[in-house]
C-alpha atoms as a PDB file:
ATOM      1  CA  MET A   1      44.993 130.418-143.271  1.00  0.00           C
ATOM      2  CA  PRO A   2      45.404 131.289-146.952  1.00  0.00           C
ATOM      3  CA  LYS A   3      42.632 133.813-148.352  1.00  0.00           C
ATOM      4  CA  TYR A   4      41.211 131.493-150.770  1.00  0.00           C
ATOM      5  CA  LEU A   5      40.513 128.908-148.022  1.00  0.00           C
ATOM      6  CA  LEU A   6      38.586 131.684-145.936  1.00  0.00           C
ATOM      7  CA  ASN A   7      36.402 132.266-149.095  1.00  0.00           C
ATOM      8  CA  VAL A   8      35.745 128.609-149.317  1.00  0.00           C
ATOM      9  CA  LEU A   9      34.978 128.341-145.681  1.00  0.00           C
ATOM     10  CA  SER A  10      32.624 131.418-145.815  1.00  0.00           C
ATOM     11  CA  LEU A  11      30.793 129.863-148.930  1.00  0.00           C
ATOM     12  CA  PHE A  12      30.445 126.625-147.294  1.00  0.00           C
ATOM     13  CA  THR A  13      29.023 128.469-144.182  1.00  0.00           C
ATOM     14  CA  ILE A  14      26.303 130.359-146.457  1.00  0.00           C
ATOM     15  CA  LEU A  15      25.317 127.092-148.151  1.00  0.00           C
ATOM     16  CA  MET A  16      24.794 125.361-144.996  1.00  0.00           C
ATOM     17  CA  ILE A  17      22.538 128.328-143.410  1.00  0.00           C
ATOM     18  CA  THR A  18      20.489 128.411-146.667  1.00  0.00           C
ATOM     19  CA  ALA A  19      19.966 124.522-146.427  1.00  0.00           C
ATOM     20  CA  LEU A  20      18.926 124.549-142.975  1.00  0.00           C
ATOM     21  CA  ASN A  21      16.697 127.831-143.293  1.00  0.00           C
ATOM     22  CA  PRO A  22      15.125 127.776-146.842  1.00  0.00           C
ATOM     23  CA  THR A  23      14.070 131.216-148.092  1.00  0.00           C
ATOM     24  CA  PRO A  24      10.303 131.851-147.784  1.00  0.00           C
ATOM     25  CA  ALA A  25       8.047 132.360-150.621  1.00  0.00           C
ATOM     26  CA  PHE A  26       8.174 135.927-152.100  1.00  0.00           C
ATOM     27  CA  ALA A  27       5.916 138.103-149.830  1.00  0.00           C
ATOM     28  CA  GLY A  28       4.305 139.766-152.679  1.00  0.00           C
ATOM     29  CA  GLY A  29       3.028 136.537-154.264  1.00  0.00           C
ATOM     30  CA  CYS A  30      -0.366 134.929-153.699  1.00  0.00           C
ATOM     31  CA  ASP A  31      -1.271 131.509-152.547  1.00  0.00           C
ATOM     32  CA  HIS A  32      -4.647 131.427-153.491  1.00  0.00           C
ATOM     33  CA  ASP A  33      -5.536 128.641-151.257  1.00  0.00           C
ATOM     34  CA  GLU A  34      -4.914 130.878-148.293  1.00  0.00           C
ATOM     35  CA  HIS A  35      -7.198 133.893-147.202  1.00  0.00           C
ATOM     36  CA  THR A  36      -5.453 137.132-147.224  1.00  0.00           C
ATOM     37  CA  HIS A  37      -6.769 139.694-145.023  1.00  0.00           C
ATOM     38  CA  ILE A  38      -7.333 142.941-146.949  1.00  0.00           C
ATOM     39  CA  ASN A  39      -8.847 145.845-145.098  1.00  0.00           C
ATOM     40  CA  ALA A  40     -11.361 146.562-147.916  1.00  0.00           C
ATOM     41  CA  THR A  41     -13.375 149.719-147.427  1.00  0.00           C
ATOM     42  CA  PRO A  42     -16.856 149.789-148.613  1.00  0.00           C
ATOM     43  CA  LEU A  43     -16.273 152.505-150.881  1.00  0.00           C
ATOM     44  CA  VAL A  44     -13.277 153.494-153.004  1.00  0.00           C
ATOM     45  CA  SER A  45     -12.451 156.536-155.056  1.00  0.00           C
ATOM     46  CA  SER A  46     -11.451 156.759-158.629  1.00  0.00           C
ATOM     47  CA  ASP A  47      -7.951 157.986-157.520  1.00  0.00           C
ATOM     48  CA  TRP A  48      -7.653 154.789-155.435  1.00  0.00           C
ATOM     49  CA  VAL A  49      -8.477 152.707-158.499  1.00  0.00           C
ATOM     50  CA  TYR A  50      -6.079 154.728-160.655  1.00  0.00           C
ATOM     51  CA  ASN A  51      -3.350 154.243-158.070  1.00  0.00           C
ATOM     52  CA  LYS A  52      -3.957 150.481-157.928  1.00  0.00           C
ATOM     53  CA  ILE A  53      -3.774 150.292-161.588  1.00  0.00           C
ATOM     54  CA  GLN A  54      -0.573 152.096-161.885  1.00  0.00           C
ATOM     55  CA  SER A  55       0.970 149.761-159.347  1.00  0.00           C
ATOM     56  CA  GLY A  56      -0.123 146.678-161.193  1.00  0.00           C
ATOM     57  CA  GLU A  57      -2.428 145.277-158.495  1.00  0.00           C
ATOM     58  CA  THR A  58      -5.476 145.039-160.633  1.00  0.00           C
ATOM     59  CA  ASN A  59      -3.494 142.434-162.729  1.00  0.00           C
ATOM     60  CA  ASN A  60      -2.853 140.653-159.535  1.00  0.00           C
ATOM     61  CA  ASN A  61      -5.118 140.492-156.548  1.00  0.00           C
ATOM     62  CA  ILE A  62      -7.532 143.274-157.232  1.00  0.00           C
ATOM     63  CA  LEU A  63     -10.410 142.496-159.490  1.00  0.00           C
ATOM     64  CA  LEU A  64     -12.356 145.399-161.041  1.00  0.00           C
ATOM     65  CA  ILE A  65     -15.863 144.215-162.090  1.00  0.00           C
ATOM     66  CA  ASP A  66     -18.048 146.569-164.314  1.00  0.00           C
ATOM     67  CA  ILE A  67     -21.587 145.506-163.725  1.00  0.00           C
ATOM     68  CA  ARG A  68     -23.246 147.955-166.073  1.00  0.00           C
ATOM     69  CA  ASN A  69     -26.651 146.865-167.218  1.00  0.00           C
ATOM     70  CA  SER A  70     -30.034 147.873-168.523  1.00  0.00           C
ATOM     71  CA  ILE A  71     -30.954 149.713-165.220  1.00  0.00           C
ATOM     72  CA  GLY A  72     -28.306 152.369-166.066  1.00  0.00           C
ATOM     73  CA  ASP A  73     -28.691 152.083-169.706  1.00  0.00           C
ATOM     74  CA  GLY A  74     -25.575 149.770-169.743  1.00  0.00           C
ATOM     75  CA  SER A  75     -24.526 146.606-171.333  1.00  0.00           C
ATOM     76  CA  TYR A  76     -21.571 144.558-172.505  1.00  0.00           C
ATOM     77  CA  GLU A  77     -21.725 146.553-175.688  1.00  0.00           C
ATOM     78  CA  LYS A  78     -21.285 149.841-173.747  1.00  0.00           C
ATOM     79  CA  TYR A  79     -18.535 148.302-172.004  1.00  0.00           C
ATOM     80  CA  LEU A  80     -16.709 147.581-175.199  1.00  0.00           C
ATOM     81  CA  GLU A  81     -17.063 151.100-176.359  1.00  0.00           C
ATOM     82  CA  GLY A  82     -15.288 152.362-173.144  1.00  0.00           C
ATOM     83  CA  HIS A  83     -14.301 151.045-169.670  1.00  0.00           C
ATOM     84  CA  ILE A  84     -11.724 151.428-166.861  1.00  0.00           C
ATOM     85  CA  PRO A  85      -8.405 149.754-167.841  1.00  0.00           C
ATOM     86  CA  THR A  86      -7.966 146.163-166.421  1.00  0.00           C
ATOM     87  CA  SER A  87     -11.774 145.924-165.504  1.00  0.00           C
ATOM     88  CA  ILE A  88     -13.747 142.891-166.774  1.00  0.00           C
ATOM     89  CA  HIS A  89     -17.653 142.917-167.289  1.00  0.00           C
ATOM     90  CA  SER A  90     -20.365 141.097-165.853  1.00  0.00           C
ATOM     91  CA  ASP A  91     -24.209 142.213-166.390  1.00  0.00           C
ATOM     92  CA  TYR A  92     -25.978 142.447-163.268  1.00  0.00           C
ATOM     93  CA  MET A  93     -29.312 141.693-164.809  1.00  0.00           C
ATOM     94  CA  LYS A  94     -28.260 138.791-167.002  1.00  0.00           C
ATOM     95  CA  ASP A  95     -25.473 136.926-165.552  1.00  0.00           C
ATOM     96  CA  GLY A  96     -27.060 135.351-162.263  1.00  0.00           C
ATOM     97  CA  TRP A  97     -26.555 138.041-159.727  1.00  0.00           C
ATOM     98  CA  ARG A  98     -30.286 137.503-158.831  1.00  0.00           C
ATOM     99  CA  VAL A  99     -32.362 134.664-159.608  1.00  0.00           C
ATOM    100  CA  LYS A 100     -36.117 133.779-160.596  1.00  0.00           C
ATOM    101  CA  VAL A 101     -37.519 131.007-158.512  1.00  0.00           C
ATOM    102  CA  ASP A 102     -41.133 129.968-159.334  1.00  0.00           C
ATOM    103  CA  ASN A 103     -42.737 133.528-159.763  1.00  0.00           C
ATOM    104  CA  THR A 104     -40.466 135.500-157.672  1.00  0.00           C
ATOM    105  CA  VAL A 105     -37.748 137.492-159.384  1.00  0.00           C
ATOM    106  CA  GLY A 106     -34.727 139.081-157.908  1.00  0.00           C
ATOM    107  CA  LEU A 107     -33.739 136.233-155.366  1.00  0.00           C
ATOM    108  CA  VAL A 108     -30.374 135.526-154.032  1.00  0.00           C
ATOM    109  CA  PRO A 109     -28.768 132.618-155.938  1.00  0.00           C
ATOM    110  CA  THR A 110     -27.895 129.407-154.297  1.00  0.00           C
ATOM    111  CA  GLU A 111     -24.285 128.821-152.939  1.00  0.00           C
ATOM    112  CA  SER A 112     -23.463 126.627-155.889  1.00  0.00           C
ATOM    113  CA  GLN A 113     -24.967 129.175-158.426  1.00  0.00           C
ATOM    114  CA  PHE A 114     -23.011 132.168-157.063  1.00  0.00           C
ATOM    115  CA  GLN A 115     -19.826 130.216-156.663  1.00  0.00           C
ATOM    116  CA  GLU A 116     -19.962 129.206-160.170  1.00  0.00           C
ATOM    117  CA  LEU A 117     -20.640 133.031-161.151  1.00  0.00           C
ATOM    118  CA  ALA A 118     -17.895 134.266-158.901  1.00  0.00           C
ATOM    119  CA  ARG A 119     -15.191 131.616-160.169  1.00  0.00           C
ATOM    120  CA  SER A 120     -16.082 132.504-163.636  1.00  0.00           C
ATOM    121  CA  LEU A 121     -15.201 135.968-163.280  1.00  0.00           C
ATOM    122  CA  GLY A 122     -11.624 134.896-161.818  1.00  0.00           C
ATOM    123  CA  VAL A 123     -12.589 135.554-157.958  1.00  0.00           C
ATOM    124  CA  ASN A 124     -10.198 133.805-155.584  1.00  0.00           C
ATOM    125  CA  SER A 125     -10.442 133.331-151.899  1.00  0.00           C
ATOM    126  CA  ASP A 126      -8.191 136.264-151.444  1.00  0.00           C
ATOM    127  CA  THR A 127      -9.394 138.587-154.281  1.00  0.00           C
ATOM    128  CA  HIS A 128     -10.288 142.222-153.411  1.00  0.00           C
ATOM    129  CA  VAL A 129     -13.250 142.695-155.679  1.00  0.00           C
ATOM    130  CA  VAL A 130     -14.128 146.281-156.757  1.00  0.00           C
ATOM    131  CA  ILE A 131     -17.613 146.700-158.198  1.00  0.00           C
ATOM    132  CA  ILE A 132     -18.157 149.343-160.765  1.00  0.00           C
ATOM    133  CA  PRO A 133     -21.640 150.608-161.419  1.00  0.00           C
ATOM    134  CA  ALA A 134     -22.709 153.036-164.151  1.00  0.00           C
ATOM    135  CA  GLY A 135     -22.831 155.994-161.625  1.00  0.00           C
ATOM    136  CA  VAL A 136     -25.853 157.398-163.231  1.00  0.00           C
ATOM    137  CA  SER A 137     -28.654 157.071-160.510  1.00  0.00           C
ATOM    138  CA  SER A 138     -29.372 155.717-157.209  1.00  0.00           C
ATOM    139  CA  THR A 139     -31.284 152.634-158.729  1.00  0.00           C
ATOM    140  CA  ASP A 140     -28.289 152.045-160.656  1.00  0.00           C
ATOM    141  CA  PHE A 141     -26.076 152.119-157.386  1.00  0.00           C
ATOM    142  CA  GLY A 142     -28.420 149.455-156.086  1.00  0.00           C
ATOM    143  CA  SER A 143     -26.944 147.081-158.728  1.00  0.00           C
ATOM    144  CA  ALA A 144     -23.572 147.678-156.995  1.00  0.00           C
ATOM    145  CA  ALA A 145     -24.990 147.307-153.416  1.00  0.00           C
ATOM    146  CA  ARG A 146     -26.838 144.326-154.138  1.00  0.00           C
ATOM    147  CA  SER A 147     -23.770 142.592-155.935  1.00  0.00           C
ATOM    148  CA  TYR A 148     -21.694 143.784-152.788  1.00  0.00           C
ATOM    149  CA  TRP A 149     -24.276 142.148-150.526  1.00  0.00           C
ATOM    150  CA  THR A 150     -24.302 138.977-152.319  1.00  0.00           C
ATOM    151  CA  PHE A 151     -20.503 138.748-152.048  1.00  0.00           C
ATOM    152  CA  LYS A 152     -20.805 139.310-148.279  1.00  0.00           C
ATOM    153  CA  VAL A 153     -23.751 136.910-147.773  1.00  0.00           C
ATOM    154  CA  PHE A 154     -21.603 134.192-149.274  1.00  0.00           C
ATOM    155  CA  GLY A 155     -18.684 134.843-147.019  1.00  0.00           C
ATOM    156  CA  HIS A 156     -16.418 137.150-149.236  1.00  0.00           C
ATOM    157  CA  GLU A 157     -15.476 140.029-147.086  1.00  0.00           C
ATOM    158  CA  ASN A 158     -12.875 141.624-149.356  1.00  0.00           C
ATOM    159  CA  VAL A 159     -15.306 143.700-151.650  1.00  0.00           C
ATOM    160  CA  SER A 160     -15.719 147.474-152.313  1.00  0.00           C
ATOM    161  CA  ILE A 161     -17.751 149.713-154.734  1.00  0.00           C
ATOM    162  CA  LEU A 162     -16.440 152.474-156.762  1.00  0.00           C
ATOM    163  CA  ASP A 163     -18.084 155.497-155.431  1.00  0.00           C
ATOM    164  CA  GLY A 164     -19.534 157.315-158.392  1.00  0.00           C
ATOM    165  CA  GLY A 165     -19.052 154.411-160.789  1.00  0.00           C
ATOM    166  CA  TYR A 166     -17.820 154.622-164.284  1.00  0.00           C
ATOM    167  CA  SER A 167     -19.217 158.123-164.678  1.00  0.00           C
ATOM    168  CA  ALA A 168     -16.796 159.399-161.935  1.00  0.00           C
ATOM    169  CA  TRP A 169     -13.869 157.561-163.511  1.00  0.00           C
ATOM    170  CA  LYS A 170     -14.609 159.204-167.000  1.00  0.00           C
ATOM    171  CA  ASN A 171     -14.882 162.693-165.411  1.00  0.00           C
ATOM    172  CA  ALA A 172     -11.587 162.203-163.494  1.00  0.00           C
ATOM    173  CA  TYR A 173      -9.460 160.340-165.884  1.00  0.00           C
ATOM    174  CA  PRO A 174     -11.075 160.944-169.408  1.00  0.00           C
ATOM    175  CA  ASN A 175      -7.710 159.736-171.021  1.00  0.00           C
ATOM    176  CA  GLN A 176      -7.638 156.540-169.142  1.00  0.00           C
ATOM    177  CA  ILE A 177     -10.391 154.603-171.053  1.00  0.00           C
ATOM    178  CA  THR A 178     -10.004 151.352-172.480  1.00  0.00           C
ATOM    179  CA  THR A 179     -12.137 149.789-175.542  1.00  0.00           C
ATOM    180  CA  GLY A 180     -12.725 146.290-176.545  1.00  0.00           C
ATOM    181  CA  ALA A 181     -12.988 143.008-174.894  1.00  0.00           C
ATOM    182  CA  TYR A 182     -10.929 141.712-171.929  1.00  0.00           C
ATOM    183  CA  ASP A 183      -8.366 138.876-171.850  1.00  0.00           C
ATOM    184  CA  ARG A 184      -9.601 135.324-171.236  1.00  0.00           C
ATOM    185  CA  ILE A 185     -10.259 134.921-167.498  1.00  0.00           C
ATOM    186  CA  ILE A 186      -8.590 132.215-165.464  1.00  0.00           C
ATOM    187  CA  GLU A 187     -11.125 130.503-163.257  1.00  0.00           C
ATOM    188  CA  GLY A 188     -10.955 131.284-159.710  1.00  0.00           C
ATOM    189  CA  ASN A 189     -11.124 129.045-156.529  1.00  0.00           C
ATOM    190  CA  PHE A 190     -13.786 131.126-154.577  1.00  0.00           C
ATOM    191  CA  THR A 191     -15.789 128.927-152.320  1.00  0.00           C
ATOM    192  CA  ALA A 192     -19.292 130.231-151.362  1.00  0.00           C
ATOM    193  CA  LYS A 193     -20.397 129.820-147.782  1.00  0.00           C
ATOM    194  CA  PHE A 194     -23.860 131.307-146.932  1.00  0.00           C
ATOM    195  CA  ASP A 195     -23.966 133.573-144.095  1.00  0.00           C
ATOM    196  CA  PRO A 196     -27.612 133.645-142.586  1.00  0.00           C
ATOM    197  CA  GLU A 197     -26.986 136.686-140.378  1.00  0.00           C
ATOM    198  CA  LEU A 198     -27.324 139.029-143.404  1.00  0.00           C
ATOM    199  CA  TYR A 199     -30.412 137.545-144.811  1.00  0.00           C
ATOM    200  CA  ILE A 200     -34.069 137.063-143.831  1.00  0.00           C
ATOM    201  CA  SER A 201     -36.620 134.895-145.378  1.00  0.00           C
ATOM    202  CA  THR A 202     -40.283 135.429-145.834  1.00  0.00           C
ATOM    203  CA  GLY A 203     -41.024 133.065-143.242  1.00  0.00           C
ATOM    204  CA  ASP A 204     -39.170 134.853-140.596  1.00  0.00           C
ATOM    205  CA  VAL A 205     -40.452 138.342-141.775  1.00  0.00           C
ATOM    206  CA  ALA A 206     -43.902 136.955-141.263  1.00  0.00           C
ATOM    207  CA  LYS A 207     -43.014 135.959-137.495  1.00  0.00           C
ATOM    208  CA  ILE A 208     -41.751 139.683-137.081  1.00  0.00           C
ATOM    209  CA  VAL A 209     -45.101 140.911-138.429  1.00  0.00           C
ATOM    210  CA  ASP A 210     -47.371 138.592-136.496  1.00  0.00           C
ATOM    211  CA  SER A 211     -45.456 139.227-133.245  1.00  0.00           C
ATOM    212  CA  ASN A 212     -45.544 143.006-133.458  1.00  0.00           C
ATOM    213  CA  SER A 213     -41.619 142.839-132.679  1.00  0.00           C
ATOM    214  CA  ASP A 214     -39.500 145.778-132.175  1.00  0.00           C
ATOM    215  CA  VAL A 215     -37.579 144.948-135.375  1.00  0.00           C
ATOM    216  CA  VAL A 216     -37.687 148.026-137.876  1.00  0.00           C
ATOM    217  CA  LEU A 217     -39.083 146.916-141.130  1.00  0.00           C
ATOM    218  CA  LEU A 218     -37.423 149.764-143.302  1.00  0.00           C
ATOM    219  CA  ASP A 219     -39.191 150.305-146.811  1.00  0.00           C
ATOM    220  CA  GLY A 220     -36.810 151.840-149.353  1.00  0.00           C
ATOM    221  CA  ARG A 221     -39.536 152.367-151.932  1.00  0.00           C
ATOM    222  CA  PRO A 222     -40.897 155.641-153.004  1.00  0.00           C
ATOM    223  CA  GLU A 223     -43.799 157.238-151.309  1.00  0.00           C
ATOM    224  CA  ASN A 224     -46.542 156.086-153.832  1.00  0.00           C
ATOM    225  CA  GLN A 225     -45.505 152.433-153.313  1.00  0.00           C
ATOM    226  CA  PHE A 226     -45.243 152.660-149.641  1.00  0.00           C
ATOM    227  CA  TYR A 227     -48.933 154.140-149.569  1.00  0.00           C
ATOM    228  CA  ALA A 228     -50.357 151.521-151.802  1.00  0.00           C
ATOM    229  CA  GLU A 229     -51.025 154.021-154.843  1.00  0.00           C
ATOM    230  CA  ALA A 230     -48.806 152.013-157.085  1.00  0.00           C
ATOM    231  CA  LYS A 231     -46.900 148.709-157.173  1.00  0.00           C
ATOM    232  CA  HIS A 232     -44.179 146.781-158.677  1.00  0.00           C
ATOM    233  CA  GLY A 233     -45.259 144.928-161.794  1.00  0.00           C
ATOM    234  CA  LYS A 234     -44.570 141.530-160.358  1.00  0.00           C
ATOM    235  CA  ALA A 235     -46.379 142.114-157.056  1.00  0.00           C
ATOM    236  CA  ARG A 236     -49.798 140.736-156.762  1.00  0.00           C
ATOM    237  CA  ALA A 237     -51.056 143.692-154.763  1.00  0.00           C
ATOM    238  CA  ALA A 238     -50.026 147.115-153.580  1.00  0.00           C
ATOM    239  CA  GLY A 239     -49.151 147.905-149.912  1.00  0.00           C
ATOM    240  CA  ARG A 240     -46.393 147.602-147.606  1.00  0.00           C
ATOM    241  CA  LEU A 241     -45.448 145.317-144.669  1.00  0.00           C
ATOM    242  CA  PRO A 242     -47.606 146.039-141.607  1.00  0.00           C
ATOM    243  CA  GLY A 243     -45.903 148.140-139.084  1.00  0.00           C
ATOM    244  CA  SER A 244     -43.297 149.145-141.630  1.00  0.00           C
ATOM    245  CA  VAL A 245     -41.527 152.721-141.785  1.00  0.00           C
ATOM    246  CA  MET A 246     -40.479 154.535-145.053  1.00  0.00           C
ATOM    247  CA  LEU A 247     -37.231 155.634-145.856  1.00  0.00           C
ATOM    248  CA  PHE A 248     -36.714 156.159-149.687  1.00  0.00           C
ATOM    249  CA  GLN A 249     -33.284 154.875-150.667  1.00  0.00           C
ATOM    250  CA  GLU A 250     -32.638 157.915-152.816  1.00  0.00           C
ATOM    251  CA  ASN A 251     -32.339 160.009-149.702  1.00  0.00           C
ATOM    252  CA  ALA A 252     -28.958 158.660-149.130  1.00  0.00           C
ATOM    253  CA  TYR A 253     -27.793 159.600-152.623  1.00  0.00           C
ATOM    254  CA  ASN A 254     -26.384 162.664-153.988  1.00  0.00           C
ATOM    255  CA  VAL A 255     -28.469 163.024-157.215  1.00  0.00           C
ATOM    256  CA  ALA A 256     -26.195 165.796-158.601  1.00  0.00           C
ATOM    257  CA  ASN A 257     -22.859 164.043-158.031  1.00  0.00           C
ATOM    258  CA  ASN A 258     -24.070 160.400-158.435  1.00  0.00           C
ATOM    259  CA  THR A 259     -22.355 159.521-155.214  1.00  0.00           C
ATOM    260  CA  LEU A 260     -23.490 158.555-151.736  1.00  0.00           C
ATOM    261  CA  LYS A 261     -24.110 161.555-149.445  1.00  0.00           C
ATOM    262  CA  SER A 262     -21.282 162.100-146.884  1.00  0.00           C
ATOM    263  CA  GLU A 263     -21.276 159.970-143.591  1.00  0.00           C
ATOM    264  CA  ALA A 264     -22.205 163.102-141.612  1.00  0.00           C
ATOM    265  CA  GLU A 265     -25.386 163.443-143.681  1.00  0.00           C
ATOM    266  CA  LEU A 266     -26.089 159.779-143.761  1.00  0.00           C
ATOM    267  CA  THR A 267     -25.877 159.761-140.078  1.00  0.00           C
ATOM    268  CA  GLU A 268     -28.465 162.353-139.697  1.00  0.00           C
ATOM    269  CA  ILE A 269     -30.835 160.706-142.225  1.00  0.00           C
ATOM    270  CA  PHE A 270     -30.458 157.243-140.722  1.00  0.00           C
ATOM    271  CA  SER A 271     -30.288 158.260-137.083  1.00  0.00           C
ATOM    272  CA  ASP A 272     -33.400 156.593-135.900  1.00  0.00           C
ATOM    273  CA  TYR A 273     -32.162 153.062-137.146  1.00  0.00           C
ATOM    274  CA  ILE A 274     -28.263 153.106-136.371  1.00  0.00           C
ATOM    275  CA  ASN A 275     -28.794 151.288-133.236  1.00  0.00           C
ATOM    276  CA  GLU A 276     -31.801 149.241-134.055  1.00  0.00           C
ATOM    277  CA  ASP A 277     -32.469 145.657-135.412  1.00  0.00           C
ATOM    278  CA  VAL A 278     -33.530 146.471-139.052  1.00  0.00           C
ATOM    279  CA  VAL A 279     -35.053 144.590-142.011  1.00  0.00           C
ATOM    280  CA  SER A 280     -34.557 146.390-145.133  1.00  0.00           C
ATOM    281  CA  TYR A 281     -36.837 145.680-147.987  1.00  0.00           C
ATOM    282  CA  CYS A 282     -38.442 146.974-151.288  1.00  0.00           C
ATOM    283  CA  ASN A 283     -40.021 145.224-154.066  1.00  0.00           C
ATOM    284  CA  THR A 284     -37.112 142.699-154.881  1.00  0.00           C
ATOM    285  CA  GLY A 285     -34.250 143.432-152.681  1.00  0.00           C
ATOM    286  CA  HIS A 286     -32.608 146.003-155.073  1.00  0.00           C
ATOM    287  CA  TRP A 287     -33.477 149.271-153.546  1.00  0.00           C
ATOM    288  CA  ALA A 288     -33.353 147.733-150.257  1.00  0.00           C
ATOM    289  CA  ALA A 289     -29.658 146.981-150.722  1.00  0.00           C
ATOM    290  CA  ASN A 290     -28.896 150.749-150.710  1.00  0.00           C
ATOM    291  CA  ASN A 291     -30.329 151.236-147.378  1.00  0.00           C
ATOM    292  CA  TRP A 292     -28.726 148.077-146.015  1.00  0.00           C
ATOM    293  CA  PHE A 293     -25.259 149.208-147.464  1.00  0.00           C
ATOM    294  CA  VAL A 294     -25.705 152.428-145.804  1.00  0.00           C
ATOM    295  CA  LEU A 295     -26.739 151.290-142.439  1.00  0.00           C
ATOM    296  CA  SER A 296     -24.487 148.077-142.208  1.00  0.00           C
ATOM    297  CA  GLU A 297     -21.361 149.125-144.190  1.00  0.00           C
ATOM    298  CA  ILE A 298     -21.166 152.901-143.838  1.00  0.00           C
ATOM    299  CA  LEU A 299     -22.778 153.466-140.316  1.00  0.00           C
ATOM    300  CA  GLY A 300     -21.589 150.182-138.916  1.00  0.00           C
ATOM    301  CA  ASN A 301     -25.030 148.836-137.866  1.00  0.00           C
ATOM    302  CA  LYS A 302     -24.314 145.044-138.070  1.00  0.00           C
ATOM    303  CA  ASN A 303     -28.058 143.965-137.138  1.00  0.00           C
ATOM    304  CA  VAL A 304     -29.434 144.647-140.586  1.00  0.00           C
ATOM    305  CA  LYS A 305     -30.825 141.973-142.680  1.00  0.00           C
ATOM    306  CA  LEU A 306     -31.784 142.318-146.411  1.00  0.00           C
ATOM    307  CA  TYR A 307     -35.203 140.716-147.459  1.00  0.00           C
ATOM    308  CA  ASP A 308     -34.397 139.715-150.947  1.00  0.00           C
ATOM    309  CA  GLY A 309     -37.831 138.536-151.825  1.00  0.00           C
ATOM    310  CA  SER A 310     -39.347 141.745-150.363  1.00  0.00           C
ATOM    311  CA  MET A 311     -43.048 142.687-151.680  1.00  0.00           C
ATOM    312  CA  VAL A 312     -42.889 140.741-154.745  1.00  0.00           C
ATOM    313  CA  GLU A 313     -42.649 137.453-152.670  1.00  0.00           C
ATOM    314  CA  TRP A 314     -44.753 138.596-149.684  1.00  0.00           C
ATOM    315  CA  THR A 315     -47.840 139.388-151.876  1.00  0.00           C
ATOM    316  CA  GLU A 316     -47.670 135.943-153.608  1.00  0.00           C
ATOM    317  CA  ASP A 317     -49.708 134.550-150.788  1.00  0.00           C
ATOM    318  CA  PRO A 318     -52.847 136.561-150.501  1.00  0.00           C
ATOM    319  CA  SER A 319     -53.264 135.452-146.790  1.00  0.00           C
ATOM    320  CA  ARG A 320     -50.323 137.496-145.834  1.00  0.00           C
ATOM    321  CA  PRO A 321     -51.346 140.860-144.375  1.00  0.00           C
ATOM    322  CA  LEU A 322     -50.842 144.120-146.127  1.00  0.00           C
ATOM    323  CA  GLU A 323     -51.215 147.614-144.953  1.00  0.00           C
ATOM    324  CA  THR A 324     -52.748 150.107-147.628  1.00  0.00           C
ATOM    325  CA  SER A 325     -53.925 153.020-145.871  1.00  0.00           C
ATOM    326  CA  GLY A 326     -52.568 156.615-147.158  1.00  0.00           C
ATOM    327  CA  PRO A 327     -50.553 159.026-145.307  1.00  0.00           C
ATOM    328  CA  SER A 328     -51.723 160.128-141.917  1.00  0.00           C
ATOM    329  CA  ASN A 329     -52.542 163.928-141.243  1.00  0.00           C
ATOM    330  CA  LEU A 330     -49.178 163.975-139.210  1.00  0.00           C
ATOM    331  CA  ASP A 331     -47.313 162.294-142.203  1.00  0.00           C
ATOM    332  CA  LYS A 332     -48.762 164.996-144.434  1.00  0.00           C
ATOM    333  CA  LEU A 333     -47.623 167.758-142.160  1.00  0.00           C
ATOM    334  CA  MET A 334     -44.053 166.346-141.780  1.00  0.00           C
ATOM    335  CA  GLY A 335     -43.992 166.252-145.522  1.00  0.00           C
ATOM    336  CA  MET A 336     -44.993 169.815-145.955  1.00  0.00           C
ATOM    337  CA  ILE A 337     -42.223 170.703-143.285  1.00  0.00           C
ATOM    338  CA  GLY A 338     -39.643 168.715-145.331  1.00  0.00           C
END
């Protein structure tokens, strides 16, 4: 057979195979109508973020959300002065991450409210969200932990927190700082679906209190609030949930480095609660998010619920019981021992 006929026959064969077996979509692309399973770790490092920026992934399917707000002396204006390249900004205190209902502040938004917020930030069903706090205190970290929990409670699993926040980034990559506003965001297609396993209502907390349940009521507030010597400005009265125990959320935080402590240290600090059913609470579910994050996401206890209403909502009804006693002699002795 002449050579040119062999070439024609080969080309015809290739065309037939292509027609019968169409080339699949490029594997690196994203069909945002499908869920992509990303093994998002609870914490990521500045080096990890840097590598993702360099690879271009933060312009594709990884979304960096800078949530600096008044808690850490942050704001959109501070963001404009300097931020991590490709990151966008959403103010944790202003943009609807928590909402006020009647007289109670700091509550979880509704499905539709959070869906609208997440979509406005460009979150798709398969987006890996990385939350960036200021990195200046444990209370500031609470902004990130609460935002993380909010994504989780509305069914979005692919979420992480930048350990050390923006401060850690500045220390690690001082020459990798961008100024000015971000580009217009393309609205995402994220659909919120509330997960009741991570949440507990005031009514259900009351059932635990009334039944003397074995569920641990873990108070993340400082000692003076736990022992009713001080209270949140929005709480009607000082005190604590009856039967609760105190684990000040800052105990989990390395204040010098503005990062969480090591897993080994956290395991020791939270050892009494790793295998227990736990309700994490504080005043408005902000500090409580830190204890929830450590127990649930770092130490793997999936039987931990966050009480978003906490003491502000609990004390609205004066008929609900409160414990107001000070520390026992044993508590004082343990405090002296350290």
